[in-house]
Amino acid sequence: MLDAFYQIQRLKPPEGWEILAPFAAALLADPSLQTVHEDADIQDAIQRLLTFKIEQLKPIQNLQTGMADLFAEIQQTNPLADHLQAWEKFSRPR
């Protein structure tokens, strides 16, 4: 069957997946992602991770707004402002 192909090319998994896999597994609460090696499965996991990030953006923004209002009301500095801003930046789609 391979004789019928003009050219074949060996595929390799996307670079960096071995680094991203543990984080994706933790964020998505799916430990099986750490053992994924097939390109189609990796692409599916990445798509799930991007969807998760988008879904998390609105609750983070709501929390950030609520915390800002609360600390403005009590006239105190919001100790979580920098952390919430960083989490919002992480959750924004690119």
PDB file of N, CA and C in Angstrom:
ATOM      1  N   MET A   1       0.819  -1.188   0.000  1.00  0.00           N
ATOM      2  CA  MET A   1       0.000   0.000   0.000  1.00  0.00           C
ATOM      3  C   MET A   1       0.871   1.264   0.000  1.00  0.00           C
ATOM      4  N   LEU A   2       1.969   1.257   0.750  1.00  0.00           N
ATOM      5  CA  LEU A   2       2.828   2.441   0.800  1.00  0.00           C
ATOM      6  C   LEU A   2       3.472   2.745  -0.546  1.00  0.00           C
ATOM      7  N   ASP A   3       3.600   1.754  -1.418  1.00  0.00           N
ATOM      8  CA  ASP A   3       4.182   1.996  -2.737  1.00  0.00           C
ATOM      9  C   ASP A   3       3.329   2.950  -3.557  1.00  0.00           C
ATOM     10  N   ALA A   4       2.039   3.051  -3.261  1.00  0.00           N
ATOM     11  CA  ALA A   4       1.136   3.918  -4.006  1.00  0.00           C
ATOM     12  C   ALA A   4       1.310   5.392  -3.637  1.00  0.00           C
ATOM     13  N   PHE A   5       1.919   5.665  -2.509  1.00  0.00           N
ATOM     14  CA  PHE A   5       2.130   7.048  -2.103  1.00  0.00           C
ATOM     15  C   PHE A   5       3.387   7.602  -2.756  1.00  0.00           C
ATOM     16  N   TYR A   6       3.291   8.846  -3.198  1.00  0.00           N
ATOM     17  CA  TYR A   6       4.435   9.515  -3.787  1.00  0.00           C
ATOM     18  C   TYR A   6       5.449   9.866  -2.713  1.00  0.00           C
ATOM     19  N   GLN A   7       4.951  10.335  -1.586  1.00  0.00           N
ATOM     20  CA  GLN A   7       5.829  10.739  -0.491  1.00  0.00           C
ATOM     21  C   GLN A   7       5.118  10.482   0.828  1.00  0.00           C
ATOM     22  N   ILE A   8       5.838   9.986   1.789  1.00  0.00           N
ATOM     23  CA  ILE A   8       5.296   9.837   3.135  1.00  0.00           C
ATOM     24  C   ILE A   8       6.188  10.611   4.087  1.00  0.00           C
ATOM     25  N   GLN A   9       5.576  11.077   5.140  1.00  0.00           N
ATOM     26  CA  GLN A   9       6.315  11.883   6.099  1.00  0.00           C
ATOM     27  C   GLN A   9       5.928  11.428   7.498  1.00  0.00           C
ATOM     28  N   ARG A  10       6.891  11.193   8.310  1.00  0.00           N
ATOM     29  CA  ARG A  10       6.632  10.777   9.683  1.00  0.00           C
ATOM     30  C   ARG A  10       6.187  11.986  10.495  1.00  0.00           C
ATOM     31  N   LEU A  11       5.103  11.802  11.230  1.00  0.00           N
ATOM     32  CA  LEU A  11       4.578  12.882  12.059  1.00  0.00           C
ATOM     33  C   LEU A  11       5.095  12.742  13.475  1.00  0.00           C
ATOM     34  N   LYS A  12       5.300  13.873  14.109  1.00  0.00           N
ATOM     35  CA  LYS A  12       5.703  13.859  15.511  1.00  0.00           C
ATOM     36  C   LYS A  12       4.733  14.727  16.293  1.00  0.00           C
ATOM     37  N   PRO A  13       4.556  14.445  17.566  1.00  0.00           N
ATOM     38  CA  PRO A  13       3.626  15.241  18.374  1.00  0.00           C
ATOM     39  C   PRO A  13       4.043  16.715  18.409  1.00  0.00           C
ATOM     40  N   PRO A  14       3.087  17.605  18.644  1.00  0.00           N
ATOM     41  CA  PRO A  14       3.435  19.028  18.749  1.00  0.00           C
ATOM     42  C   PRO A  14       4.494  19.255  19.823  1.00  0.00           C
ATOM     43  N   GLU A  15       5.416  20.133  19.533  1.00  0.00           N
ATOM     44  CA  GLU A  15       6.481  20.424  20.494  1.00  0.00           C
ATOM     45  C   GLU A  15       5.906  21.081  21.739  1.00  0.00           C
ATOM     46  N   GLY A  16       6.419  20.683  22.872  1.00  0.00           N
ATOM     47  CA  GLY A  16       6.014  21.286  24.125  1.00  0.00           C
ATOM     48  C   GLY A  16       4.849  20.599  24.811  1.00  0.00           C
ATOM     49  N   TRP A  17       4.230  19.619  24.164  1.00  0.00           N
ATOM     50  CA  TRP A  17       3.094  18.959  24.795  1.00  0.00           C
ATOM     51  C   TRP A  17       3.498  18.287  26.101  1.00  0.00           C
ATOM     52  N   GLU A  18       4.684  17.704  26.140  1.00  0.00           N
ATOM     53  CA  GLU A  18       5.116  17.019  27.369  1.00  0.00           C
ATOM     54  C   GLU A  18       5.212  17.992  28.544  1.00  0.00           C
ATOM     55  N   ILE A  19       5.413  19.274  28.267  1.00  0.00           N
ATOM     56  CA  ILE A  19       5.458  20.292  29.316  1.00  0.00           C
ATOM     57  C   ILE A  19       4.043  20.761  29.669  1.00  0.00           C
ATOM     58  N   LEU A  20       3.206  20.931  28.656  1.00  0.00           N
ATOM     59  CA  LEU A  20       1.848  21.428  28.860  1.00  0.00           C
ATOM     60  C   LEU A  20       0.911  20.377  29.447  1.00  0.00           C
ATOM     61  N   ALA A  21       1.151  19.109  29.155  1.00  0.00           N
ATOM     62  CA  ALA A  21       0.229  18.030  29.538  1.00  0.00           C
ATOM     63  C   ALA A  21      -0.118  18.016  31.031  1.00  0.00           C
ATOM     64  N   PRO A  22       0.844  18.114  31.949  1.00  0.00           N
ATOM     65  CA  PRO A  22       0.473  18.095  33.378  1.00  0.00           C
ATOM     66  C   PRO A  22      -0.412  19.273  33.786  1.00  0.00           C
ATOM     67  N   PHE A  23      -0.164  20.433  33.187  1.00  0.00           N
ATOM     68  CA  PHE A  23      -0.969  21.605  33.509  1.00  0.00           C
ATOM     69  C   PHE A  23      -2.379  21.463  32.934  1.00  0.00           C
ATOM     70  N   ALA A  24      -2.467  20.966  31.709  1.00  0.00           N
ATOM     71  CA  ALA A  24      -3.775  20.730  31.095  1.00  0.00           C
ATOM     72  C   ALA A  24      -4.550  19.704  31.908  1.00  0.00           C
ATOM     73  N   ALA A  25      -3.871  18.650  32.342  1.00  0.00           N
ATOM     74  CA  ALA A  25      -4.524  17.605  33.145  1.00  0.00           C
ATOM     75  C   ALA A  25      -5.050  18.187  34.458  1.00  0.00           C
ATOM     76  N   ALA A  26      -4.290  19.056  35.096  1.00  0.00           N
ATOM     77  CA  ALA A  26      -4.714  19.655  36.363  1.00  0.00           C
ATOM     78  C   ALA A  26      -5.871  20.636  36.156  1.00  0.00           C
ATOM     79  N   LEU A  27      -5.767  21.502  35.159  1.00  0.00           N
ATOM     80  CA  LEU A  27      -6.818  22.487  34.926  1.00  0.00           C
ATOM     81  C   LEU A  27      -8.128  21.844  34.513  1.00  0.00           C
ATOM     82  N   LEU A  28      -8.050  20.783  33.709  1.00  0.00           N
ATOM     83  CA  LEU A  28      -9.254  20.128  33.220  1.00  0.00           C
ATOM     84  C   LEU A  28      -9.693  18.966  34.110  1.00  0.00           C
ATOM     85  N   ALA A  29      -8.945  18.716  35.187  1.00  0.00           N
ATOM     86  CA  ALA A  29      -9.242  17.603  36.102  1.00  0.00           C
ATOM     87  C   ALA A  29      -9.355  16.284  35.339  1.00  0.00           C
ATOM     88  N   ASP A  30      -8.405  16.063  34.438  1.00  0.00           N
ATOM     89  CA  ASP A  30      -8.396  14.852  33.614  1.00  0.00           C
ATOM     90  C   ASP A  30      -6.971  14.291  33.578  1.00  0.00           C
ATOM     91  N   PRO A  31      -6.616  13.424  34.545  1.00  0.00           N
ATOM     92  CA  PRO A  31      -5.248  12.901  34.619  1.00  0.00           C
ATOM     93  C   PRO A  31      -4.822  12.101  33.388  1.00  0.00           C
ATOM     94  N   SER A  32      -5.774  11.620  32.605  1.00  0.00           N
ATOM     95  CA  SER A  32      -5.421  10.835  31.413  1.00  0.00           C
ATOM     96  C   SER A  32      -4.700  11.683  30.361  1.00  0.00           C
ATOM     97  N   LEU A  33      -4.801  12.993  30.449  1.00  0.00           N
ATOM     98  CA  LEU A  33      -4.128  13.860  29.471  1.00  0.00           C
ATOM     99  C   LEU A  33      -2.607  13.761  29.569  1.00  0.00           C
ATOM    100  N   GLN A  34      -2.098  13.334  30.701  1.00  0.00           N
ATOM    101  CA  GLN A  34      -0.649  13.220  30.863  1.00  0.00           C
ATOM    102  C   GLN A  34      -0.068  12.079  30.027  1.00  0.00           C
ATOM    103  N   THR A  35      -0.905  11.143  29.610  1.00  0.00           N
ATOM    104  CA  THR A  35      -0.410   9.995  28.849  1.00  0.00           C
ATOM    105  C   THR A  35      -0.795  10.060  27.380  1.00  0.00           C
ATOM    106  N   VAL A  36      -1.385  11.165  26.934  1.00  0.00           N
ATOM    107  CA  VAL A  36      -1.805  11.311  25.533  1.00  0.00           C
ATOM    108  C   VAL A  36      -0.574  11.549  24.655  1.00  0.00           C
ATOM    109  N   HIS A  37      -0.502  10.797  23.531  1.00  0.00           N
ATOM    110  CA  HIS A  37       0.630  10.971  22.612  1.00  0.00           C
ATOM    111  C   HIS A  37       0.200  11.113  21.158  1.00  0.00           C
ATOM    112  N   GLU A  38      -1.033  10.791  20.843  1.00  0.00           N
ATOM    113  CA  GLU A  38      -1.529  10.895  19.470  1.00  0.00           C
ATOM    114  C   GLU A  38      -1.870  12.350  19.149  1.00  0.00           C
ATOM    115  N   ASP A  39      -1.522  12.781  17.940  1.00  0.00           N
ATOM    116  CA  ASP A  39      -1.720  14.175  17.539  1.00  0.00           C
ATOM    117  C   ASP A  39      -3.188  14.585  17.641  1.00  0.00           C
ATOM    118  N   ALA A  40      -4.094  13.745  17.201  1.00  0.00           N
ATOM    119  CA  ALA A  40      -5.519  14.088  17.248  1.00  0.00           C
ATOM    120  C   ALA A  40      -5.979  14.261  18.696  1.00  0.00           C
ATOM    121  N   ASP A  41      -5.515  13.414  19.590  1.00  0.00           N
ATOM    122  CA  ASP A  41      -5.882  13.522  21.002  1.00  0.00           C
ATOM    123  C   ASP A  41      -5.281  14.772  21.634  1.00  0.00           C
ATOM    124  N   ILE A  42      -4.070  15.107  21.234  1.00  0.00           N
ATOM    125  CA  ILE A  42      -3.417  16.308  21.744  1.00  0.00           C
ATOM    126  C   ILE A  42      -4.174  17.550  21.275  1.00  0.00           C
ATOM    127  N   GLN A  43      -4.558  17.575  20.007  1.00  0.00           N
ATOM    128  CA  GLN A  43      -5.310  18.718  19.474  1.00  0.00           C
ATOM    129  C   GLN A  43      -6.653  18.858  20.184  1.00  0.00           C
ATOM    130  N   ASP A  44      -7.309  17.724  20.474  1.00  0.00           N
ATOM    131  CA  ASP A  44      -8.569  17.747  21.215  1.00  0.00           C
ATOM    132  C   ASP A  44      -8.354  18.310  22.625  1.00  0.00           C
ATOM    133  N   ALA A  45      -7.294  17.895  23.272  1.00  0.00           N
ATOM    134  CA  ALA A  45      -6.995  18.380  24.622  1.00  0.00           C
ATOM    135  C   ALA A  45      -6.705  19.880  24.610  1.00  0.00           C
ATOM    136  N   ILE A  46      -5.983  20.333  23.612  1.00  0.00           N
ATOM    137  CA  ILE A  46      -5.682  21.766  23.502  1.00  0.00           C
ATOM    138  C   ILE A  46      -6.963  22.558  23.283  1.00  0.00           C
ATOM    139  N   GLN A  47      -7.851  22.039  22.443  1.00  0.00           N
ATOM    140  CA  GLN A  47      -9.126  22.716  22.207  1.00  0.00           C
ATOM    141  C   GLN A  47      -9.959  22.768  23.489  1.00  0.00           C
ATOM    142  N   ARG A  48      -9.963  21.679  24.250  1.00  0.00           N
ATOM    143  CA  ARG A  48     -10.675  21.658  25.534  1.00  0.00           C
ATOM    144  C   ARG A  48     -10.086  22.683  26.496  1.00  0.00           C
ATOM    145  N   LEU A  49      -8.757  22.801  26.488  1.00  0.00           N
ATOM    146  CA  LEU A  49      -8.082  23.756  27.366  1.00  0.00           C
ATOM    147  C   LEU A  49      -8.425  25.193  26.975  1.00  0.00           C
ATOM    148  N   LEU A  50      -8.453  25.493  25.687  1.00  0.00           N
ATOM    149  CA  LEU A  50      -8.810  26.835  25.232  1.00  0.00           C
ATOM    150  C   LEU A  50     -10.260  27.163  25.583  1.00  0.00           C
ATOM    151  N   THR A  51     -11.152  26.202  25.428  1.00  0.00           N
ATOM    152  CA  THR A  51     -12.554  26.397  25.791  1.00  0.00           C
ATOM    153  C   THR A  51     -12.680  26.653  27.290  1.00  0.00           C
ATOM    154  N   PHE A  52     -11.940  25.891  28.089  1.00  0.00           N
ATOM    155  CA  PHE A  52     -11.955  26.076  29.541  1.00  0.00           C
ATOM    156  C   PHE A  52     -11.509  27.489  29.903  1.00  0.00           C
ATOM    157  N   LYS A  53     -10.451  27.965  29.270  1.00  0.00           N
ATOM    158  CA  LYS A  53      -9.954  29.307  29.570  1.00  0.00           C
ATOM    159  C   LYS A  53     -11.010  30.363  29.261  1.00  0.00           C
ATOM    160  N   ILE A  54     -11.697  30.214  28.145  1.00  0.00           N
ATOM    161  CA  ILE A  54     -12.731  31.183  27.762  1.00  0.00           C
ATOM    162  C   ILE A  54     -13.889  31.144  28.749  1.00  0.00           C
ATOM    163  N   GLU A  55     -14.275  29.936  29.173  1.00  0.00           N
ATOM    164  CA  GLU A  55     -15.375  29.802  30.132  1.00  0.00           C
ATOM    165  C   GLU A  55     -15.023  30.420  31.484  1.00  0.00           C
ATOM    166  N   GLN A  56     -13.773  30.430  31.842  1.00  0.00           N
ATOM    167  CA  GLN A  56     -13.346  30.965  33.137  1.00  0.00           C
ATOM    168  C   GLN A  56     -13.205  32.479  33.142  1.00  0.00           C
ATOM    169  N   LEU A  57     -13.206  33.105  31.991  1.00  0.00           N
ATOM    170  CA  LEU A  57     -12.959  34.541  31.908  1.00  0.00           C
ATOM    171  C   LEU A  57     -14.063  35.360  32.582  1.00  0.00           C
ATOM    172  N   LYS A  58     -15.326  35.088  32.291  1.00  0.00           N
ATOM    173  CA  LYS A  58     -16.432  35.885  32.831  1.00  0.00           C
ATOM    174  C   LYS A  58     -16.508  35.810  34.359  1.00  0.00           C
ATOM    175  N   PRO A  59     -16.436  34.598  34.969  1.00  0.00           N
ATOM    176  CA  PRO A  59     -16.452  34.563  36.444  1.00  0.00           C
ATOM    177  C   PRO A  59     -15.283  35.322  37.071  1.00  0.00           C
ATOM    178  N   ILE A  60     -14.135  35.282  36.443  1.00  0.00           N
ATOM    179  CA  ILE A  60     -12.975  36.009  36.963  1.00  0.00           C
ATOM    180  C   ILE A  60     -13.217  37.504  36.883  1.00  0.00           C
ATOM    181  N   GLN A  61     -13.769  37.950  35.764  1.00  0.00           N
ATOM    182  CA  GLN A  61     -14.058  39.374  35.607  1.00  0.00           C
ATOM    183  C   GLN A  61     -15.114  39.828  36.620  1.00  0.00           C
ATOM    184  N   ASN A  62     -16.130  38.981  36.852  1.00  0.00           N
ATOM    185  CA  ASN A  62     -17.158  39.320  37.849  1.00  0.00           C
ATOM    186  C   ASN A  62     -16.556  39.415  39.244  1.00  0.00           C
ATOM    187  N   LEU A  63     -15.696  38.467  39.590  1.00  0.00           N
ATOM    188  CA  LEU A  63     -15.040  38.491  40.895  1.00  0.00           C
ATOM    189  C   LEU A  63     -14.151  39.721  41.032  1.00  0.00           C
ATOM    190  N   GLN A  64     -13.432  40.034  39.968  1.00  0.00           N
ATOM    191  CA  GLN A  64     -12.545  41.191  39.986  1.00  0.00           C
ATOM    192  C   GLN A  64     -13.350  42.477  40.210  1.00  0.00           C
ATOM    193  N   THR A  65     -14.479  42.613  39.527  1.00  0.00           N
ATOM    194  CA  THR A  65     -15.328  43.792  39.676  1.00  0.00           C
ATOM    195  C   THR A  65     -15.919  43.854  41.080  1.00  0.00           C
ATOM    196  N   GLY A  66     -16.412  42.722  41.561  1.00  0.00           N
ATOM    197  CA  GLY A  66     -16.998  42.675  42.900  1.00  0.00           C
ATOM    198  C   GLY A  66     -15.987  43.016  43.981  1.00  0.00           C
ATOM    199  N   MET A  67     -14.793  42.482  43.854  1.00  0.00           N
ATOM    200  CA  MET A  67     -13.742  42.763  44.843  1.00  0.00           C
ATOM    201  C   MET A  67     -13.340  44.237  44.789  1.00  0.00           C
ATOM    202  N   ALA A  68     -13.247  44.796  43.583  1.00  0.00           N
ATOM    203  CA  ALA A  68     -12.893  46.212  43.455  1.00  0.00           C
ATOM    204  C   ALA A  68     -13.957  47.082  44.113  1.00  0.00           C
ATOM    205  N   ASP A  69     -15.228  46.748  43.888  1.00  0.00           N
ATOM    206  CA  ASP A  69     -16.321  47.513  44.508  1.00  0.00           C
ATOM    207  C   ASP A  69     -16.287  47.391  46.031  1.00  0.00           C
ATOM    208  N   LEU A  70     -16.080  46.176  46.518  1.00  0.00           N
ATOM    209  CA  LEU A  70     -16.041  45.950  47.964  1.00  0.00           C
ATOM    210  C   LEU A  70     -14.925  46.751  48.622  1.00  0.00           C
ATOM    211  N   PHE A  71     -13.723  46.665  48.075  1.00  0.00           N
ATOM    212  CA  PHE A  71     -12.606  47.360  48.704  1.00  0.00           C
ATOM    213  C   PHE A  71     -12.691  48.872  48.520  1.00  0.00           C
ATOM    214  N   ALA A  72     -13.350  49.316  47.452  1.00  0.00           N
ATOM    215  CA  ALA A  72     -13.584  50.759  47.306  1.00  0.00           C
ATOM    216  C   ALA A  72     -14.575  51.224  48.366  1.00  0.00           C
ATOM    217  N   GLU A  73     -15.572  50.401  48.625  1.00  0.00           N
ATOM    218  CA  GLU A  73     -16.594  50.744  49.629  1.00  0.00           C
ATOM    219  C   GLU A  73     -15.992  50.841  51.025  1.00  0.00           C
ATOM    220  N   ILE A  74     -15.086  49.933  51.356  1.00  0.00           N
ATOM    221  CA  ILE A  74     -14.483  49.974  52.704  1.00  0.00           C
ATOM    222  C   ILE A  74     -13.187  50.787  52.723  1.00  0.00           C
ATOM    223  N   GLN A  75     -12.884  51.408  51.603  1.00  0.00           N
ATOM    224  CA  GLN A  75     -11.730  52.303  51.458  1.00  0.00           C
ATOM    225  C   GLN A  75     -10.420  51.630  51.854  1.00  0.00           C
ATOM    226  N   GLN A  76     -10.242  50.441  51.318  1.00  0.00           N
ATOM    227  CA  GLN A  76      -9.013  49.678  51.554  1.00  0.00           C
ATOM    228  C   GLN A  76      -8.422  49.262  50.208  1.00  0.00           C
ATOM    229  N   THR A  77      -7.159  48.927  50.239  1.00  0.00           N
ATOM    230  CA  THR A  77      -6.492  48.418  49.043  1.00  0.00           C
ATOM    231  C   THR A  77      -6.853  46.950  48.864  1.00  0.00           C
ATOM    232  N   ASN A  78      -7.211  46.588  47.654  1.00  0.00           N
ATOM    233  CA  ASN A  78      -7.560  45.209  47.350  1.00  0.00           C
ATOM    234  C   ASN A  78      -6.284  44.369  47.275  1.00  0.00           C
ATOM    235  N   PRO A  79      -6.061  43.455  48.217  1.00  0.00           N
ATOM    236  CA  PRO A  79      -4.829  42.666  48.203  1.00  0.00           C
ATOM    237  C   PRO A  79      -4.792  41.612  47.084  1.00  0.00           C
ATOM    238  N   LEU A  80      -5.941  41.349  46.466  1.00  0.00           N
ATOM    239  CA  LEU A  80      -5.993  40.340  45.407  1.00  0.00           C
ATOM    240  C   LEU A  80      -6.003  40.936  44.005  1.00  0.00           C
ATOM    241  N   ALA A  81      -5.951  42.237  43.901  1.00  0.00           N
ATOM    242  CA  ALA A  81      -6.088  42.898  42.601  1.00  0.00           C
ATOM    243  C   ALA A  81      -5.066  42.397  41.585  1.00  0.00           C
ATOM    244  N   ASP A  82      -3.813  42.312  41.967  1.00  0.00           N
ATOM    245  CA  ASP A  82      -2.772  41.880  41.028  1.00  0.00           C
ATOM    246  C   ASP A  82      -2.968  40.428  40.605  1.00  0.00           C
ATOM    247  N   HIS A  83      -3.357  39.580  41.563  1.00  0.00           N
ATOM    248  CA  HIS A  83      -3.550  38.161  41.249  1.00  0.00           C
ATOM    249  C   HIS A  83      -4.749  37.950  40.329  1.00  0.00           C
ATOM    250  N   LEU A  84      -5.837  38.657  40.596  1.00  0.00           N
ATOM    251  CA  LEU A  84      -7.016  38.534  39.749  1.00  0.00           C
ATOM    252  C   LEU A  84      -6.750  39.068  38.352  1.00  0.00           C
ATOM    253  N   GLN A  85      -5.988  40.138  38.262  1.00  0.00           N
ATOM    254  CA  GLN A  85      -5.638  40.698  36.962  1.00  0.00           C
ATOM    255  C   GLN A  85      -4.777  39.715  36.177  1.00  0.00           C
ATOM    256  N   ALA A  86      -3.843  39.056  36.846  1.00  0.00           N
ATOM    257  CA  ALA A  86      -2.994  38.061  36.180  1.00  0.00           C
ATOM    258  C   ALA A  86      -3.827  36.866  35.712  1.00  0.00           C
ATOM    259  N   TRP A  87      -4.771  36.428  36.535  1.00  0.00           N
ATOM    260  CA  TRP A  87      -5.623  35.291  36.158  1.00  0.00           C
ATOM    261  C   TRP A  87      -6.522  35.663  34.980  1.00  0.00           C
ATOM    262  N   GLU A  88      -7.012  36.905  34.971  1.00  0.00           N
ATOM    263  CA  GLU A  88      -7.828  37.369  33.841  1.00  0.00           C
ATOM    264  C   GLU A  88      -6.989  37.393  32.566  1.00  0.00           C
ATOM    265  N   LYS A  89      -5.781  37.883  32.665  1.00  0.00           N
ATOM    266  CA  LYS A  89      -4.899  37.931  31.496  1.00  0.00           C
ATOM    267  C   LYS A  89      -4.613  36.510  30.983  1.00  0.00           C
ATOM    268  N   PHE A  90      -4.413  35.570  31.883  1.00  0.00           N
ATOM    269  CA  PHE A  90      -4.176  34.186  31.501  1.00  0.00           C
ATOM    270  C   PHE A  90      -5.393  33.589  30.800  1.00  0.00           C
ATOM    271  N   SER A  91      -6.598  33.974  31.230  1.00  0.00           N
ATOM    272  CA  SER A  91      -7.831  33.395  30.709  1.00  0.00           C
ATOM    273  C   SER A  91      -8.280  34.006  29.387  1.00  0.00           C
ATOM    274  N   ARG A  92      -7.761  35.156  29.038  1.00  0.00           N
ATOM    275  CA  ARG A  92      -8.173  35.793  27.785  1.00  0.00           C
ATOM    276  C   ARG A  92      -7.709  34.962  26.592  1.00  0.00           C
ATOM    277  N   PRO A  93      -8.612  34.804  25.586  1.00  0.00           N
ATOM    278  CA  PRO A  93      -8.185  34.086  24.377  1.00  0.00           C
ATOM    279  C   PRO A  93      -7.168  34.910  23.603  1.00  0.00           C
ATOM    280  N   ARG A  94      -6.294  34.220  22.958  1.00  0.00           N
ATOM    281  CA  ARG A  94      -5.241  34.918  22.181  1.00  0.00           C
ATOM    282  C   ARG A  94      -5.435  34.689  20.722  1.00  0.00           C
TER     283      ARG A  94
END
